[in-house]
Amino acid sequence: MIINYIRISTVEQNIDRQQIDADKTYIDKVSGSATNRAELESLKDFARKGDVVTVHDISRLARNIKNLIELIDFFNDKGVDVQFRKEQMTFTADKKNPMNSLMLNLLGSVYQFEREMMLERQKEGIQKAQLKGKYSGRKSTVDYEAIKVELEQGLSIRKTAAKLGYSVATISRASKKMKETISGA
């Protein structure tokens, strides 16, 4: 059975370039750095000996070399081949192709390096934009006023978190922020 795995980072991205005629397709809409991908986990459960998992390119399956090797080994140990179409590489359960292993490590490292450089450039761009006053980050979805009301009424941090649907860490940060504002005034 041919199983196609597609991963796009954002909902705005298009899956067309990764689509092929396959018996089954799994699509994740999540960053490659995320290790918890629902469709990938379903694929891992579904794949059986003799299947071929096909992926558009190495960066679609994993963004770091360790995770990439673990995934390929996982599938190969199940008797499932992994094929990367762009790189024209197939990793089989027999693992008797040292050139493929070398190329996997090389290309995986390049993709990992590429991602780290992109994140570094992104961070530098954000810092420059902040200095110019053009970037303030993502808009907060936390209702600080509601948190303030609950805490001022004597509700504990844990109970406030449960009542408002936030994590305990979020309520703790909000509480600390409020205390700093009061002491700084």
N, C-alpha and C. Protein backbone atom coordinates (compact mmCIF):
# COMPACT_ATOMS: atom_id res chain seq x y z
N MET A 1 0.84 -1.17 0.00
CA MET A 1 0.00 0.00 0.00
C MET A 1 0.89 1.25 0.00
N ILE A 2 0.55 2.20 -0.82
CA ILE A 2 1.25 3.48 -0.88
C ILE A 2 0.53 4.45 0.05
N ILE A 3 1.26 4.99 1.02
CA ILE A 3 0.70 5.92 1.99
C ILE A 3 1.44 7.24 1.86
N ASN A 4 0.70 8.30 1.58
CA ASN A 4 1.31 9.62 1.42
C ASN A 4 1.19 10.40 2.73
N TYR A 5 2.30 10.96 3.19
CA TYR A 5 2.27 11.82 4.37
C TYR A 5 2.56 13.25 3.91
N ILE A 6 1.66 14.16 4.30
CA ILE A 6 1.78 15.57 3.95
C ILE A 6 1.81 16.38 5.24
N ARG A 7 2.74 17.33 5.29
CA ARG A 7 2.74 18.25 6.42
C ARG A 7 2.90 19.66 5.89
N ILE A 8 2.00 20.54 6.32
CA ILE A 8 2.14 21.96 6.03
C ILE A 8 2.20 22.68 7.37
N SER A 9 2.91 23.80 7.39
CA SER A 9 3.13 24.52 8.65
C SER A 9 1.97 25.40 9.04
N THR A 10 1.25 25.93 8.09
CA THR A 10 0.15 26.83 8.40
C THR A 10 -1.07 26.46 7.57
N VAL A 11 -2.22 26.90 8.03
CA VAL A 11 -3.45 26.59 7.30
C VAL A 11 -3.51 27.32 5.96
N GLU A 12 -2.71 28.40 5.80
CA GLU A 12 -2.69 29.12 4.54
C GLU A 12 -1.91 28.38 3.46
N GLN A 13 -1.01 27.47 3.86
CA GLN A 13 -0.21 26.74 2.89
C GLN A 13 -1.07 25.75 2.13
N ASN A 14 -0.66 25.48 0.91
CA ASN A 14 -1.40 24.60 0.03
C ASN A 14 -0.74 23.22 -0.01
N ILE A 15 -1.55 22.17 0.01
CA ILE A 15 -1.03 20.80 0.01
C ILE A 15 -0.79 20.25 -1.39
N ASP A 16 -1.18 21.00 -2.41
CA ASP A 16 -1.14 20.49 -3.79
C ASP A 16 0.22 19.97 -4.22
N ARG A 17 1.30 20.68 -3.90
CA ARG A 17 2.62 20.25 -4.37
C ARG A 17 3.07 18.96 -3.71
N GLN A 18 2.46 18.61 -2.57
CA GLN A 18 2.84 17.39 -1.86
C GLN A 18 1.90 16.21 -2.17
N GLN A 19 0.82 16.49 -2.86
CA GLN A 19 -0.20 15.48 -3.14
C GLN A 19 0.25 14.54 -4.26
N ILE A 20 -0.01 13.24 -4.06
CA ILE A 20 0.21 12.25 -5.11
C ILE A 20 -0.96 11.27 -5.09
N ASP A 21 -1.02 10.43 -6.10
CA ASP A 21 -2.03 9.38 -6.12
C ASP A 21 -1.56 8.27 -5.19
N ALA A 22 -2.23 8.12 -4.05
CA ALA A 22 -1.83 7.12 -3.05
C ALA A 22 -3.07 6.39 -2.55
N ASP A 23 -2.85 5.24 -1.92
CA ASP A 23 -3.96 4.48 -1.37
C ASP A 23 -4.56 5.18 -0.15
N LYS A 24 -3.71 5.86 0.60
CA LYS A 24 -4.16 6.55 1.80
C LYS A 24 -3.27 7.77 2.01
N THR A 25 -3.85 8.86 2.51
CA THR A 25 -3.09 10.09 2.75
C THR A 25 -3.35 10.59 4.16
N TYR A 26 -2.28 11.02 4.81
CA TYR A 26 -2.35 11.64 6.14
C TYR A 26 -1.82 13.05 6.01
N ILE A 27 -2.56 14.03 6.55
CA ILE A 27 -2.18 15.43 6.44
C ILE A 27 -2.12 16.08 7.82
N ASP A 28 -0.95 16.60 8.16
CA ASP A 28 -0.79 17.37 9.39
C ASP A 28 -0.63 18.84 9.03
N LYS A 29 -1.31 19.71 9.80
CA LYS A 29 -1.17 21.16 9.62
C LYS A 29 -0.53 21.70 10.89
N VAL A 30 0.79 21.51 10.97
CA VAL A 30 1.53 21.85 12.18
C VAL A 30 2.99 22.07 11.83
N SER A 31 3.68 22.81 12.64
CA SER A 31 5.10 23.06 12.43
C SER A 31 5.89 21.75 12.43
N GLY A 32 6.93 21.70 11.63
CA GLY A 32 7.78 20.51 11.56
C GLY A 32 8.53 20.26 12.85
N SER A 33 8.71 21.31 13.64
CA SER A 33 9.42 21.13 14.91
C SER A 33 8.54 20.46 15.96
N ALA A 34 7.23 20.45 15.72
CA ALA A 34 6.31 19.82 16.67
C ALA A 34 6.49 18.31 16.63
N THR A 35 6.68 17.71 17.79
CA THR A 35 6.84 16.26 17.83
C THR A 35 5.51 15.54 18.02
N ASN A 36 4.50 16.26 18.46
CA ASN A 36 3.18 15.67 18.66
C ASN A 36 2.30 16.03 17.46
N ARG A 37 2.31 15.13 16.45
CA ARG A 37 1.52 15.34 15.24
C ARG A 37 0.51 14.21 15.12
N ALA A 38 -0.75 14.55 15.26
CA ALA A 38 -1.83 13.55 15.31
C ALA A 38 -1.85 12.63 14.10
N GLU A 39 -1.75 13.20 12.91
CA GLU A 39 -1.83 12.38 11.70
C GLU A 39 -0.59 11.49 11.54
N LEU A 40 0.56 11.99 11.93
CA LEU A 40 1.76 11.17 11.88
C LEU A 40 1.63 9.99 12.84
N GLU A 41 1.08 10.24 14.00
CA GLU A 41 0.87 9.15 14.97
C GLU A 41 -0.12 8.12 14.41
N SER A 42 -1.17 8.59 13.76
CA SER A 42 -2.13 7.67 13.13
C SER A 42 -1.46 6.86 12.03
N LEU A 43 -0.62 7.51 11.24
CA LEU A 43 0.13 6.82 10.19
C LEU A 43 1.03 5.75 10.79
N LYS A 44 1.72 6.07 11.86
CA LYS A 44 2.61 5.11 12.51
C LYS A 44 1.82 3.88 12.99
N ASP A 45 0.62 4.10 13.48
CA ASP A 45 -0.23 2.99 13.92
C ASP A 45 -0.75 2.16 12.75
N PHE A 46 -1.05 2.85 11.64
CA PHE A 46 -1.68 2.20 10.49
C PHE A 46 -0.71 1.41 9.63
N ALA A 47 0.48 1.92 9.42
CA ALA A 47 1.44 1.32 8.48
C ALA A 47 1.77 -0.13 8.84
N ARG A 48 1.82 -0.98 7.81
CA ARG A 48 2.09 -2.41 8.00
C ARG A 48 3.24 -2.84 7.10
N LYS A 49 3.81 -3.98 7.42
CA LYS A 49 4.91 -4.55 6.65
C LYS A 49 4.53 -4.59 5.17
N GLY A 50 5.45 -4.12 4.34
CA GLY A 50 5.21 -4.10 2.90
C GLY A 50 4.69 -2.76 2.39
N ASP A 51 4.23 -1.89 3.28
CA ASP A 51 3.74 -0.57 2.87
C ASP A 51 4.92 0.33 2.51
N VAL A 52 4.61 1.38 1.75
CA VAL A 52 5.59 2.41 1.42
C VAL A 52 5.01 3.75 1.86
N VAL A 53 5.72 4.41 2.77
CA VAL A 53 5.33 5.76 3.19
C VAL A 53 6.09 6.71 2.31
N THR A 54 5.36 7.54 1.58
CA THR A 54 6.00 8.49 0.68
C THR A 54 5.78 9.91 1.20
N VAL A 55 6.86 10.70 1.15
CA VAL A 55 6.85 12.07 1.66
C VAL A 55 7.48 12.95 0.60
N HIS A 56 6.94 14.15 0.42
CA HIS A 56 7.45 15.05 -0.62
C HIS A 56 8.95 15.29 -0.46
N ASP A 57 9.38 15.71 0.73
CA ASP A 57 10.81 15.88 0.98
C ASP A 57 11.11 15.70 2.46
N ILE A 58 12.37 15.56 2.77
CA ILE A 58 12.81 15.27 4.14
C ILE A 58 12.28 16.28 5.14
N SER A 59 12.25 17.56 4.78
CA SER A 59 11.82 18.59 5.72
C SER A 59 10.35 18.47 6.09
N ARG A 60 9.57 17.77 5.29
CA ARG A 60 8.15 17.59 5.60
C ARG A 60 7.95 16.55 6.71
N LEU A 61 8.90 15.63 6.85
CA LEU A 61 8.78 14.59 7.87
C LEU A 61 9.36 15.04 9.20
N ALA A 62 10.50 15.69 9.18
CA ALA A 62 11.16 16.11 10.43
C ALA A 62 12.06 17.29 10.16
N ARG A 63 12.33 18.09 11.19
CA ARG A 63 13.21 19.24 11.04
C ARG A 63 14.53 19.07 11.77
N ASN A 64 14.70 17.97 12.49
CA ASN A 64 16.01 17.74 13.09
C ASN A 64 16.43 16.31 12.81
N ILE A 65 17.71 16.11 12.74
CA ILE A 65 18.28 14.84 12.29
C ILE A 65 17.91 13.69 13.22
N LYS A 66 17.88 13.93 14.52
CA LYS A 66 17.56 12.88 15.49
C LYS A 66 16.15 12.34 15.26
N ASN A 67 15.19 13.25 15.15
CA ASN A 67 13.81 12.85 14.93
C ASN A 67 13.64 12.15 13.58
N LEU A 68 14.33 12.64 12.57
CA LEU A 68 14.26 12.05 11.24
C LEU A 68 14.73 10.59 11.26
N ILE A 69 15.88 10.36 11.86
CA ILE A 69 16.43 9.00 11.92
C ILE A 69 15.51 8.09 12.75
N GLU A 70 14.99 8.61 13.86
CA GLU A 70 14.07 7.82 14.69
C GLU A 70 12.84 7.39 13.90
N LEU A 71 12.26 8.33 13.12
CA LEU A 71 11.06 8.01 12.34
C LEU A 71 11.36 6.97 11.26
N ILE A 72 12.44 7.16 10.54
CA ILE A 72 12.80 6.20 9.49
C ILE A 72 13.06 4.82 10.11
N ASP A 73 13.81 4.79 11.21
CA ASP A 73 14.08 3.51 11.88
C ASP A 73 12.79 2.86 12.36
N PHE A 74 11.87 3.68 12.89
CA PHE A 74 10.58 3.14 13.36
C PHE A 74 9.86 2.43 12.21
N PHE A 75 9.73 3.13 11.08
CA PHE A 75 9.03 2.53 9.94
C PHE A 75 9.78 1.32 9.40
N ASN A 76 11.08 1.44 9.23
CA ASN A 76 11.87 0.33 8.71
C ASN A 76 11.80 -0.89 9.62
N ASP A 77 11.80 -0.69 10.94
CA ASP A 77 11.68 -1.81 11.88
C ASP A 77 10.33 -2.52 11.75
N LYS A 78 9.31 -1.80 11.27
CA LYS A 78 7.99 -2.40 11.04
C LYS A 78 7.92 -3.07 9.66
N GLY A 79 9.00 -2.95 8.87
CA GLY A 79 8.99 -3.51 7.52
C GLY A 79 8.40 -2.56 6.50
N VAL A 80 8.33 -1.27 6.85
CA VAL A 80 7.75 -0.24 5.99
C VAL A 80 8.88 0.58 5.37
N ASP A 81 8.82 0.76 4.05
CA ASP A 81 9.80 1.58 3.35
C ASP A 81 9.40 3.06 3.47
N VAL A 82 10.39 3.93 3.49
CA VAL A 82 10.13 5.38 3.52
C VAL A 82 10.79 5.98 2.29
N GLN A 83 9.99 6.71 1.51
CA GLN A 83 10.47 7.27 0.25
C GLN A 83 10.32 8.79 0.27
N PHE A 84 11.39 9.49 -0.07
CA PHE A 84 11.37 10.94 -0.20
C PHE A 84 11.45 11.25 -1.69
N ARG A 85 10.39 11.82 -2.23
CA ARG A 85 10.30 12.02 -3.68
C ARG A 85 11.28 13.08 -4.19
N LYS A 86 11.36 14.22 -3.52
CA LYS A 86 12.23 15.30 -4.00
C LYS A 86 13.69 14.87 -4.04
N GLU A 87 14.12 14.20 -2.99
CA GLU A 87 15.51 13.75 -2.91
C GLU A 87 15.76 12.44 -3.66
N GLN A 88 14.68 11.80 -4.11
CA GLN A 88 14.74 10.52 -4.81
C GLN A 88 15.49 9.47 -3.99
N MET A 89 15.09 9.36 -2.72
CA MET A 89 15.72 8.40 -1.81
C MET A 89 14.65 7.51 -1.18
N THR A 90 14.98 6.23 -1.05
CA THR A 90 14.10 5.29 -0.39
C THR A 90 14.89 4.55 0.68
N PHE A 91 14.31 4.45 1.85
CA PHE A 91 14.94 3.74 2.96
C PHE A 91 14.11 2.50 3.24
N THR A 92 14.78 1.36 3.08
CA THR A 92 14.08 0.08 3.22
C THR A 92 14.48 -0.61 4.51
N ALA A 93 13.69 -1.60 4.86
CA ALA A 93 13.92 -2.34 6.10
C ALA A 93 15.26 -3.05 6.12
N ASP A 94 15.81 -3.39 4.95
CA ASP A 94 17.10 -4.10 4.94
C ASP A 94 18.28 -3.20 5.31
N LYS A 95 18.10 -1.89 5.19
CA LYS A 95 19.11 -0.90 5.60
C LYS A 95 20.51 -1.19 5.06
N LYS A 96 20.58 -1.74 3.86
CA LYS A 96 21.88 -2.14 3.31
C LYS A 96 22.45 -1.12 2.33
N ASN A 97 22.01 0.11 2.42
CA ASN A 97 22.50 1.11 1.49
C ASN A 97 23.22 2.21 2.25
N PRO A 98 24.54 2.07 2.44
CA PRO A 98 25.29 3.06 3.20
C PRO A 98 25.28 4.45 2.56
N MET A 99 25.16 4.52 1.23
CA MET A 99 25.10 5.82 0.56
C MET A 99 23.83 6.57 0.96
N ASN A 100 22.69 5.85 1.02
CA ASN A 100 21.45 6.47 1.47
C ASN A 100 21.58 6.98 2.89
N SER A 101 22.23 6.20 3.72
CA SER A 101 22.42 6.60 5.12
C SER A 101 23.26 7.88 5.20
N LEU A 102 24.32 7.93 4.43
CA LEU A 102 25.15 9.13 4.38
C LEU A 102 24.34 10.34 3.90
N MET A 103 23.60 10.16 2.81
CA MET A 103 22.81 11.25 2.24
C MET A 103 21.72 11.71 3.22
N LEU A 104 21.11 10.77 3.91
CA LEU A 104 20.09 11.12 4.90
C LEU A 104 20.68 12.01 5.98
N ASN A 105 21.81 11.61 6.52
CA ASN A 105 22.45 12.40 7.57
C ASN A 105 22.87 13.77 7.05
N LEU A 106 23.40 13.80 5.84
CA LEU A 106 23.82 15.07 5.24
C LEU A 106 22.63 15.99 5.00
N LEU A 107 21.62 15.49 4.30
CA LEU A 107 20.46 16.32 3.97
C LEU A 107 19.67 16.69 5.22
N GLY A 108 19.53 15.75 6.14
CA GLY A 108 18.83 16.04 7.39
C GLY A 108 19.52 17.15 8.16
N SER A 109 20.84 17.11 8.17
CA SER A 109 21.61 18.16 8.85
C SER A 109 21.45 19.50 8.15
N VAL A 110 21.42 19.48 6.83
CA VAL A 110 21.22 20.72 6.07
C VAL A 110 19.85 21.32 6.38
N TYR A 111 18.80 20.50 6.39
CA TYR A 111 17.47 21.01 6.70
C TYR A 111 17.40 21.56 8.13
N GLN A 112 18.04 20.87 9.06
CA GLN A 112 18.06 21.34 10.44
C GLN A 112 18.79 22.68 10.52
N PHE A 113 19.94 22.80 9.86
CA PHE A 113 20.71 24.04 9.83
C PHE A 113 19.88 25.16 9.20
N GLU A 114 19.21 24.84 8.11
CA GLU A 114 18.37 25.82 7.40
C GLU A 114 17.29 26.36 8.33
N ARG A 115 16.66 25.48 9.09
CA ARG A 115 15.59 25.90 10.01
C ARG A 115 16.16 26.78 11.12
N GLU A 116 17.30 26.38 11.68
CA GLU A 116 17.91 27.17 12.75
C GLU A 116 18.31 28.55 12.25
N MET A 117 18.82 28.64 11.03
CA MET A 117 19.19 29.93 10.45
C MET A 117 17.95 30.79 10.21
N MET A 118 16.87 30.17 9.74
CA MET A 118 15.63 30.90 9.51
C MET A 118 15.10 31.47 10.82
N LEU A 119 15.13 30.67 11.89
CA LEU A 119 14.66 31.14 13.19
C LEU A 119 15.54 32.27 13.72
N GLU A 120 16.84 32.19 13.47
CA GLU A 120 17.76 33.24 13.89
C GLU A 120 17.48 34.54 13.14
N ARG A 121 17.26 34.44 11.83
CA ARG A 121 16.95 35.64 11.03
C ARG A 121 15.62 36.24 11.48
N GLN A 122 14.66 35.37 11.78
CA GLN A 122 13.35 35.83 12.25
C GLN A 122 13.50 36.59 13.56
N LYS A 123 14.28 36.05 14.48
CA LYS A 123 14.50 36.69 15.77
C LYS A 123 15.17 38.06 15.59
N GLU A 124 16.19 38.12 14.72
CA GLU A 124 16.87 39.38 14.45
C GLU A 124 15.90 40.41 13.85
N GLY A 125 15.05 39.96 12.93
CA GLY A 125 14.07 40.85 12.31
C GLY A 125 13.08 41.40 13.32
N ILE A 126 12.65 40.55 14.23
CA ILE A 126 11.71 40.98 15.27
C ILE A 126 12.37 42.01 16.18
N GLN A 127 13.62 41.75 16.56
CA GLN A 127 14.34 42.70 17.43
C GLN A 127 14.49 44.07 16.75
N LYS A 128 14.83 44.08 15.47
CA LYS A 128 14.97 45.34 14.74
C LYS A 128 13.63 46.06 14.64
N ALA A 129 12.57 45.31 14.36
CA ALA A 129 11.24 45.91 14.27
C ALA A 129 10.79 46.46 15.62
N GLN A 130 11.11 45.77 16.70
CA GLN A 130 10.75 46.25 18.03
C GLN A 130 11.46 47.56 18.34
N LEU A 131 12.75 47.66 17.97
CA LEU A 131 13.50 48.90 18.20
C LEU A 131 12.88 50.08 17.45
N LYS A 132 12.29 49.80 16.30
CA LYS A 132 11.63 50.86 15.51
C LYS A 132 10.18 51.07 15.95
N GLY A 133 9.73 50.25 16.91
CA GLY A 133 8.35 50.37 17.38
C GLY A 133 7.32 49.80 16.43
N LYS A 134 7.75 48.93 15.53
CA LYS A 134 6.85 48.37 14.52
C LYS A 134 6.38 46.95 14.82
N TYR A 135 6.82 46.40 15.92
CA TYR A 135 6.44 45.03 16.26
C TYR A 135 6.17 44.94 17.74
N SER A 136 4.99 44.51 18.07
CA SER A 136 4.66 44.38 19.49
C SER A 136 4.32 42.95 19.87
N GLY A 137 4.50 42.04 18.95
CA GLY A 137 4.22 40.63 19.24
C GLY A 137 2.76 40.28 19.02
N ARG A 138 2.46 39.07 19.34
CA ARG A 138 1.10 38.57 19.17
C ARG A 138 0.18 39.23 20.20
N LYS A 139 -1.03 39.51 19.80
CA LYS A 139 -2.01 40.09 20.71
C LYS A 139 -2.37 39.08 21.78
N SER A 140 -2.45 39.55 23.01
CA SER A 140 -2.75 38.68 24.14
C SER A 140 -4.21 38.21 24.10
N THR A 141 -4.40 36.95 24.41
CA THR A 141 -5.76 36.41 24.48
C THR A 141 -6.18 36.22 25.93
N VAL A 142 -5.35 36.71 26.83
CA VAL A 142 -5.63 36.55 28.26
C VAL A 142 -6.46 37.74 28.74
N ASP A 143 -7.53 37.45 29.46
CA ASP A 143 -8.39 38.48 30.03
C ASP A 143 -7.88 38.82 31.42
N TYR A 144 -6.94 39.78 31.47
CA TYR A 144 -6.31 40.14 32.74
C TYR A 144 -7.30 40.74 33.73
N GLU A 145 -8.28 41.44 33.21
CA GLU A 145 -9.28 42.04 34.10
C GLU A 145 -10.08 40.97 34.84
N ALA A 146 -10.48 39.92 34.13
CA ALA A 146 -11.22 38.82 34.76
C ALA A 146 -10.35 38.12 35.81
N ILE A 147 -9.08 37.93 35.49
CA ILE A 147 -8.15 37.31 36.44
C ILE A 147 -8.02 38.18 37.68
N LYS A 148 -7.86 39.48 37.46
CA LYS A 148 -7.71 40.43 38.57
C LYS A 148 -8.93 40.36 39.49
N VAL A 149 -10.12 40.35 38.92
CA VAL A 149 -11.35 40.30 39.72
C VAL A 149 -11.38 39.05 40.58
N GLU A 150 -11.09 37.91 39.99
CA GLU A 150 -11.14 36.64 40.73
C GLU A 150 -10.10 36.59 41.85
N LEU A 151 -8.89 37.04 41.54
CA LEU A 151 -7.83 37.01 42.56
C LEU A 151 -8.12 38.00 43.69
N GLU A 152 -8.65 39.17 43.34
CA GLU A 152 -8.98 40.17 44.36
C GLU A 152 -10.12 39.71 45.26
N GLN A 153 -10.97 38.83 44.74
CA GLN A 153 -12.06 38.27 45.55
C GLN A 153 -11.59 37.12 46.43
N GLY A 154 -10.29 36.83 46.36
CA GLY A 154 -9.70 35.81 47.23
C GLY A 154 -9.65 34.41 46.65
N LEU A 155 -10.00 34.24 45.39
CA LEU A 155 -9.93 32.92 44.77
C LEU A 155 -8.46 32.56 44.57
N SER A 156 -8.10 31.31 44.82
CA SER A 156 -6.70 30.88 44.67
C SER A 156 -6.32 30.87 43.19
N ILE A 157 -5.02 30.80 42.96
CA ILE A 157 -4.52 30.76 41.58
C ILE A 157 -5.06 29.53 40.86
N ARG A 158 -5.02 28.38 41.51
CA ARG A 158 -5.52 27.14 40.88
C ARG A 158 -7.00 27.22 40.57
N LYS A 159 -7.78 27.74 41.50
CA LYS A 159 -9.24 27.82 41.28
C LYS A 159 -9.57 28.87 40.22
N THR A 160 -8.79 29.95 40.18
CA THR A 160 -8.99 30.96 39.14
C THR A 160 -8.69 30.36 37.77
N ALA A 161 -7.61 29.60 37.69
CA ALA A 161 -7.25 28.94 36.43
C ALA A 161 -8.36 28.01 35.97
N ALA A 162 -8.87 27.20 36.88
CA ALA A 162 -9.94 26.26 36.54
C ALA A 162 -11.21 27.00 36.11
N LYS A 163 -11.56 28.05 36.85
CA LYS A 163 -12.79 28.79 36.57
C LYS A 163 -12.73 29.50 35.22
N LEU A 164 -11.57 30.10 34.91
CA LEU A 164 -11.46 30.89 33.68
C LEU A 164 -10.93 30.11 32.48
N GLY A 165 -10.46 28.88 32.73
CA GLY A 165 -9.99 28.05 31.62
C GLY A 165 -8.57 28.35 31.17
N TYR A 166 -7.76 28.92 32.07
CA TYR A 166 -6.36 29.18 31.77
C TYR A 166 -5.50 28.18 32.53
N SER A 167 -4.23 28.11 32.14
CA SER A 167 -3.30 27.26 32.88
C SER A 167 -2.91 27.97 34.18
N VAL A 168 -2.43 27.19 35.14
CA VAL A 168 -1.98 27.75 36.41
C VAL A 168 -0.82 28.71 36.15
N ALA A 169 0.06 28.36 35.20
CA ALA A 169 1.21 29.22 34.87
C ALA A 169 0.75 30.58 34.35
N THR A 170 -0.30 30.61 33.54
CA THR A 170 -0.82 31.86 33.01
C THR A 170 -1.35 32.75 34.14
N ILE A 171 -2.09 32.15 35.07
CA ILE A 171 -2.64 32.91 36.20
C ILE A 171 -1.50 33.40 37.09
N SER A 172 -0.49 32.56 37.31
CA SER A 172 0.66 32.96 38.13
C SER A 172 1.39 34.14 37.51
N ARG A 173 1.60 34.10 36.17
CA ARG A 173 2.26 35.22 35.49
C ARG A 173 1.43 36.49 35.60
N ALA A 174 0.12 36.36 35.43
CA ALA A 174 -0.77 37.52 35.53
C ALA A 174 -0.73 38.09 36.94
N SER A 175 -0.73 37.23 37.94
CA SER A 175 -0.69 37.67 39.33
C SER A 175 0.61 38.40 39.62
N LYS A 176 1.71 37.84 39.14
CA LYS A 176 3.02 38.46 39.34
C LYS A 176 3.07 39.82 38.65
N LYS A 177 2.54 39.89 37.43
CA LYS A 177 2.50 41.13 36.67
C LYS A 177 1.69 42.22 37.41
N MET A 178 0.57 41.78 38.00
CA MET A 178 -0.27 42.74 38.74
C MET A 178 0.45 43.24 39.99
N LYS A 179 1.15 42.36 40.69
CA LYS A 179 1.88 42.75 41.89
C LYS A 179 3.02 43.71 41.55
N GLU A 180 3.72 43.46 40.41
CA GLU A 180 4.79 44.34 39.98
C GLU A 180 4.25 45.74 39.62
N THR A 181 3.07 45.75 39.00
CA THR A 181 2.44 47.01 38.63
C THR A 181 2.08 47.82 39.88
N ILE A 182 1.56 47.13 40.88
CA ILE A 182 1.18 47.80 42.13
C ILE A 182 2.41 48.32 42.86
N SER A 183 3.45 47.48 42.99
CA SER A 183 4.65 47.89 43.73
C SER A 183 5.45 48.93 42.97
N GLY A 184 5.35 48.95 41.64
CA GLY A 184 6.08 49.91 40.83
C GLY A 184 5.41 51.26 40.75
N ALA A 185 4.16 51.34 41.15
CA ALA A 185 3.39 52.60 41.05
C ALA A 185 3.65 53.54 42.18
